[in-house]
Amino acid sequence: MKRTLILIAVALTLALSAAAGSAVADGGAQAAGSKSISVRDDYFSPKSVTVSRGTKLRFVWSGRRAHNVVGPGTNISARVRGSASVRARSGRYVCTIHAGMRLTVKVR
């Protein structure tokens, strides 16, 4: 039951994010607003994004294991559920708990 509710919440979050951020700037950069990043078991989805200046990254936990997010100006503590938003900055974001779990962000 909990897993079903989590999957429904993630699906709704992604659908709302896609609807809100459907405008695309030149070169494939998403217009300022927000961009959802799924924090899954041992990977981020998507693994790289290009966004416009002023965009917020919304990290949404959807796995069963605890993950943190550390990157430029970002230090989100480990958790299994929930979400957290930060201002997008160019660079690499990682989960320091799981080697190889990384996200590349480019801000235009």
C-alpha atoms as a PDB file:
ATOM      1  CA  MET A   1       0.000   0.000   0.000  1.00  0.00           C
ATOM      2  CA  LYS A   2       2.797   2.442   0.930  1.00  0.00           C
ATOM      3  CA  ARG A   3       4.687   1.609  -2.263  1.00  0.00           C
ATOM      4  CA  THR A   4       1.547   2.233  -4.336  1.00  0.00           C
ATOM      5  CA  LEU A   5       0.999   5.609  -2.664  1.00  0.00           C
ATOM      6  CA  ILE A   6       4.631   6.572  -3.223  1.00  0.00           C
ATOM      7  CA  LEU A   7       4.434   5.584  -6.905  1.00  0.00           C
ATOM      8  CA  ILE A   8       1.226   7.583  -7.330  1.00  0.00           C
ATOM      9  CA  ALA A   9       2.798  10.612  -5.627  1.00  0.00           C
ATOM     10  CA  VAL A  10       5.888  10.398  -7.856  1.00  0.00           C
ATOM     11  CA  ALA A  11       3.757  10.032 -10.998  1.00  0.00           C
ATOM     12  CA  LEU A  12       1.647  13.055 -10.033  1.00  0.00           C
ATOM     13  CA  THR A  13       4.749  15.087  -9.207  1.00  0.00           C
ATOM     14  CA  LEU A  14       6.340  14.275 -12.552  1.00  0.00           C
ATOM     15  CA  ALA A  15       3.104  15.011 -14.446  1.00  0.00           C
ATOM     16  CA  LEU A  16       2.656  18.363 -12.706  1.00  0.00           C
ATOM     17  CA  SER A  17       6.298  19.237 -13.249  1.00  0.00           C
ATOM     18  CA  ALA A  18       6.045  18.410 -16.956  1.00  0.00           C
ATOM     19  CA  ALA A  19       2.918  20.533 -17.311  1.00  0.00           C
ATOM     20  CA  ALA A  20       4.414  23.475 -15.414  1.00  0.00           C
ATOM     21  CA  GLY A  21       7.770  23.350 -17.180  1.00  0.00           C
ATOM     22  CA  SER A  22       6.707  22.547 -20.719  1.00  0.00           C
ATOM     23  CA  ALA A  23       8.201  25.749 -22.144  1.00  0.00           C
ATOM     24  CA  VAL A  24      11.674  25.114 -23.543  1.00  0.00           C
ATOM     25  CA  ALA A  25      14.325  27.761 -24.118  1.00  0.00           C
ATOM     26  CA  ASP A  26      16.774  27.623 -27.033  1.00  0.00           C
ATOM     27  CA  GLY A  27      19.294  24.779 -27.091  1.00  0.00           C
ATOM     28  CA  GLY A  28      17.012  22.497 -25.071  1.00  0.00           C
ATOM     29  CA  ALA A  29      17.319  24.426 -21.822  1.00  0.00           C
ATOM     30  CA  GLN A  30      14.153  24.343 -19.748  1.00  0.00           C
ATOM     31  CA  ALA A  31      12.606  27.730 -19.009  1.00  0.00           C
ATOM     32  CA  ALA A  32      12.972  29.045 -15.443  1.00  0.00           C
ATOM     33  CA  GLY A  33      10.573  27.322 -13.064  1.00  0.00           C
ATOM     34  CA  SER A  34      11.322  23.951 -11.582  1.00  0.00           C
ATOM     35  CA  LYS A  35      12.767  20.661 -12.738  1.00  0.00           C
ATOM     36  CA  SER A  36      12.027  17.417 -10.876  1.00  0.00           C
ATOM     37  CA  ILE A  37      14.843  14.963 -10.301  1.00  0.00           C
ATOM     38  CA  SER A  38      13.982  11.481  -9.028  1.00  0.00           C
ATOM     39  CA  VAL A  39      16.325  10.169  -6.361  1.00  0.00           C
ATOM     40  CA  ARG A  40      16.032   6.421  -6.850  1.00  0.00           C
ATOM     41  CA  ASP A  41      17.949   3.486  -5.504  1.00  0.00           C
ATOM     42  CA  ASP A  42      21.490   4.264  -6.581  1.00  0.00           C
ATOM     43  CA  TYR A  43      20.778   6.689  -9.443  1.00  0.00           C
ATOM     44  CA  PHE A  44      19.291  10.060 -10.295  1.00  0.00           C
ATOM     45  CA  SER A  45      16.747  10.315 -13.083  1.00  0.00           C
ATOM     46  CA  PRO A  46      17.516  12.023 -15.361  1.00  0.00           C
ATOM     47  CA  LYS A  47      21.303  11.787 -15.080  1.00  0.00           C
ATOM     48  CA  SER A  48      21.868  15.214 -16.645  1.00  0.00           C
ATOM     49  CA  VAL A  49      19.783  18.334 -17.232  1.00  0.00           C
ATOM     50  CA  THR A  50      20.161  21.740 -18.836  1.00  0.00           C
ATOM     51  CA  VAL A  51      17.999  24.458 -17.292  1.00  0.00           C
ATOM     52  CA  SER A  52      17.598  28.217 -17.488  1.00  0.00           C
ATOM     53  CA  ARG A  53      18.984  30.562 -14.869  1.00  0.00           C
ATOM     54  CA  GLY A  54      16.604  30.838 -11.915  1.00  0.00           C
ATOM     55  CA  THR A  55      15.289  27.272 -12.180  1.00  0.00           C
ATOM     56  CA  LYS A  56      14.730  25.300  -8.985  1.00  0.00           C
ATOM     57  CA  LEU A  57      15.754  21.645  -8.825  1.00  0.00           C
ATOM     58  CA  ARG A  58      13.162  19.591  -6.965  1.00  0.00           C
ATOM     59  CA  PHE A  59      14.647  16.334  -5.719  1.00  0.00           C
ATOM     60  CA  VAL A  60      11.974  13.676  -5.116  1.00  0.00           C
ATOM     61  CA  TRP A  61      12.940  10.506  -3.230  1.00  0.00           C
ATOM     62  CA  SER A  62      11.303   7.382  -4.656  1.00  0.00           C
ATOM     63  CA  GLY A  63      13.473   4.448  -3.643  1.00  0.00           C
ATOM     64  CA  ARG A  64      13.764   2.266  -0.573  1.00  0.00           C
ATOM     65  CA  ARG A  65      17.272   3.296   0.475  1.00  0.00           C
ATOM     66  CA  ALA A  66      18.460   6.516   2.097  1.00  0.00           C
ATOM     67  CA  HIS A  67      20.260   9.002  -0.172  1.00  0.00           C
ATOM     68  CA  ASN A  68      21.660  12.487   0.316  1.00  0.00           C
ATOM     69  CA  VAL A  69      22.341  15.152  -2.316  1.00  0.00           C
ATOM     70  CA  VAL A  70      25.544  17.209  -2.270  1.00  0.00           C
ATOM     71  CA  GLY A  71      26.452  19.676  -5.005  1.00  0.00           C
ATOM     72  CA  PRO A  72      27.179  23.321  -5.744  1.00  0.00           C
ATOM     73  CA  GLY A  73      25.627  25.217  -2.833  1.00  0.00           C
ATOM     74  CA  THR A  74      23.613  22.119  -1.881  1.00  0.00           C
ATOM     75  CA  ASN A  75      23.845  19.745   1.072  1.00  0.00           C
ATOM     76  CA  ILE A  76      20.585  17.835   1.563  1.00  0.00           C
ATOM     77  CA  SER A  77      20.736  15.297   4.382  1.00  0.00           C
ATOM     78  CA  ALA A  78      20.015  11.607   3.827  1.00  0.00           C
ATOM     79  CA  ARG A  79      16.382  10.549   3.603  1.00  0.00           C
ATOM     80  CA  VAL A  80      14.185   7.863   2.078  1.00  0.00           C
ATOM     81  CA  ARG A  81      11.005   9.842   1.342  1.00  0.00           C
ATOM     82  CA  GLY A  82       9.950  13.380   0.602  1.00  0.00           C
ATOM     83  CA  SER A  83      11.324  16.134  -1.555  1.00  0.00           C
ATOM     84  CA  ALA A  84      13.602  19.150  -1.338  1.00  0.00           C
ATOM     85  CA  SER A  85      14.136  22.112  -3.674  1.00  0.00           C
ATOM     86  CA  VAL A  86      17.284  24.115  -4.329  1.00  0.00           C
ATOM     87  CA  ARG A  87      18.311  26.788  -6.803  1.00  0.00           C
ATOM     88  CA  ALA A  88      19.986  25.116  -9.786  1.00  0.00           C
ATOM     89  CA  ARG A  89      23.702  25.728 -10.167  1.00  0.00           C
ATOM     90  CA  SER A  90      25.965  24.278 -12.829  1.00  0.00           C
ATOM     91  CA  GLY A  91      28.049  21.342 -11.706  1.00  0.00           C
ATOM     92  CA  ARG A  92      27.898  17.814 -10.405  1.00  0.00           C
ATOM     93  CA  TYR A  93      25.463  16.659  -7.728  1.00  0.00           C
ATOM     94  CA  VAL A  94      26.163  13.357  -5.973  1.00  0.00           C
ATOM     95  CA  CYS A  95      24.920  11.030  -3.291  1.00  0.00           C
ATOM     96  CA  THR A  96      27.962  10.635  -1.055  1.00  0.00           C
ATOM     97  CA  ILE A  97      26.514   7.421   0.377  1.00  0.00           C
ATOM     98  CA  HIS A  98      26.553   5.568  -2.963  1.00  0.00           C
ATOM     99  CA  ALA A  99      29.612   5.845  -5.207  1.00  0.00           C
ATOM    100  CA  GLY A 100      28.795   6.554  -8.833  1.00  0.00           C
ATOM    101  CA  MET A 101      25.423   8.148  -8.114  1.00  0.00           C
ATOM    102  CA  ARG A 102      25.697  11.520  -9.832  1.00  0.00           C
ATOM    103  CA  LEU A 103      23.739  14.159 -11.700  1.00  0.00           C
ATOM    104  CA  THR A 104      25.201  16.780 -14.033  1.00  0.00           C
ATOM    105  CA  VAL A 105      23.435  20.154 -14.179  1.00  0.00           C
ATOM    106  CA  LYS A 106      24.118  22.898 -16.703  1.00  0.00           C
ATOM    107  CA  VAL A 107      22.550  26.317 -16.146  1.00  0.00           C
ATOM    108  CA  ARG A 108      22.309  28.645 -19.156  1.00  0.00           C
END
